[in-house]
């Protein structure tokens, strides 16, 4: 995600939500990369679902965030994981 995309996301979050709130992060992760995601969201409730082919996992994490910057920080924290798709 580019800096412009993060700026757009921040503006949307500021407009549409009141913080703090329970935020839902959703990712599609290559099956072997799931363990890289989990430590980044220790404070959240994590749900996993294996794809029909077994190559990917859908991960949903619900957690309390205090500000739009917290949301963006979490997205940036997973950006280095090869093959991850943020939804």
Protein backbone atom coordinates (compact mmCIF):
# COMPACT_ATOMS: atom_id res chain seq x y z
CA UNK A 1 0.00 0.00 0.00
CA UNK A 2 1.34 3.43 -0.88
CA UNK A 3 1.50 6.47 1.39
CA UNK A 4 -1.41 7.96 -0.58
CA UNK A 5 -3.49 4.87 0.14
CA UNK A 6 -2.70 5.10 3.84
CA UNK A 7 -3.66 8.80 3.84
CA UNK A 8 -6.95 7.96 2.11
CA UNK A 9 -7.65 5.16 4.59
CA UNK A 10 -6.91 7.47 7.53
CA UNK A 11 -9.35 10.06 6.20
CA UNK A 12 -12.05 7.40 5.76
CA UNK A 13 -11.50 6.06 9.27
CA UNK A 14 -11.68 9.55 10.78
CA UNK A 15 -14.91 10.28 8.91
CA UNK A 16 -16.75 7.00 9.39
CA UNK A 17 -15.80 5.85 12.88
CA UNK A 18 -15.55 7.09 16.44
CA UNK A 19 -12.52 5.87 18.34
CA UNK A 20 -11.77 3.80 20.34
CA UNK A 21 -13.63 0.96 18.68
CA UNK A 22 -13.56 -2.74 17.90
CA UNK A 23 -11.98 -3.01 14.46
CA UNK A 24 -11.95 -6.06 12.20
CA UNK A 25 -8.81 -6.77 10.17
CA UNK A 26 -9.11 -9.32 7.35
CA UNK A 27 -6.26 -10.93 5.46
CA UNK A 28 -5.66 -13.72 3.00
CA UNK A 29 -2.34 -15.33 3.89
CA UNK A 30 -0.33 -18.10 2.24
CA UNK A 31 -0.70 -21.14 4.51
CA UNK A 32 2.97 -21.16 5.57
CA UNK A 33 2.96 -17.46 6.55
CA UNK A 34 0.17 -17.50 9.15
CA UNK A 35 2.59 -17.75 12.07
CA UNK A 36 4.18 -14.45 10.97
CA UNK A 37 0.83 -12.67 11.37
CA UNK A 38 -0.25 -13.98 14.77
CA UNK A 39 2.38 -12.24 16.96
CA UNK A 40 1.49 -8.88 15.43
CA UNK A 41 -2.09 -9.15 16.72
CA UNK A 42 -1.68 -10.73 20.17
CA UNK A 43 -4.27 -8.38 21.71
CA UNK A 44 -6.93 -9.44 19.19
CA UNK A 45 -9.32 -12.33 18.76
CA UNK A 46 -8.15 -14.33 15.76
CA UNK A 47 -10.22 -16.60 13.53
CA UNK A 48 -8.76 -18.71 10.73
CA UNK A 49 -10.31 -20.52 7.81
CA UNK A 50 -8.41 -22.73 5.38
CA UNK A 51 -9.10 -22.28 1.66
CA UNK A 52 -10.57 -25.16 -0.31
CA UNK A 53 -7.17 -25.83 -1.92
CA UNK A 54 -5.31 -25.60 1.40
CA UNK A 55 -2.84 -23.06 0.00
CA UNK A 56 -4.22 -20.03 1.85
CA UNK A 57 -5.86 -19.10 5.09
CA UNK A 58 -8.40 -16.39 5.64
CA UNK A 59 -7.61 -14.60 8.89
CA UNK A 60 -9.98 -12.26 10.70
CA UNK A 61 -8.72 -10.40 13.76
CA UNK A 62 -11.00 -8.29 15.92
CA UNK A 63 -9.37 -5.92 18.37
CA UNK A 64 -9.78 -2.58 20.12
CA UNK A 65 -7.99 0.27 18.36
CA UNK A 66 -7.61 3.73 19.83
CA UNK A 67 -7.17 5.79 16.68
CA UNK A 68 -6.95 5.65 12.88
CA UNK A 69 -3.17 5.66 13.31
CA UNK A 70 -3.42 2.36 15.25
CA UNK A 71 -5.25 0.77 12.30
CA UNK A 72 -2.70 2.02 9.80
CA UNK A 73 0.19 0.89 12.02
CA UNK A 74 -1.21 -2.66 12.04
CA UNK A 75 -1.59 -2.73 8.26
CA UNK A 76 1.98 -1.49 7.88
CA UNK A 77 3.21 -4.14 10.33
CA UNK A 78 2.06 -6.96 8.03
CA UNK A 79 3.09 -5.35 4.74
CA UNK A 80 6.46 -7.15 4.75
CA UNK A 81 4.84 -10.61 4.77
CA UNK A 82 5.21 -12.10 1.32
CA UNK A 83 1.92 -12.95 -0.37
CA UNK A 84 -0.40 -11.37 2.22
CA UNK A 85 -3.53 -9.63 0.94
CA UNK A 86 -5.36 -7.14 3.16
CA UNK A 87 -9.10 -6.97 2.60
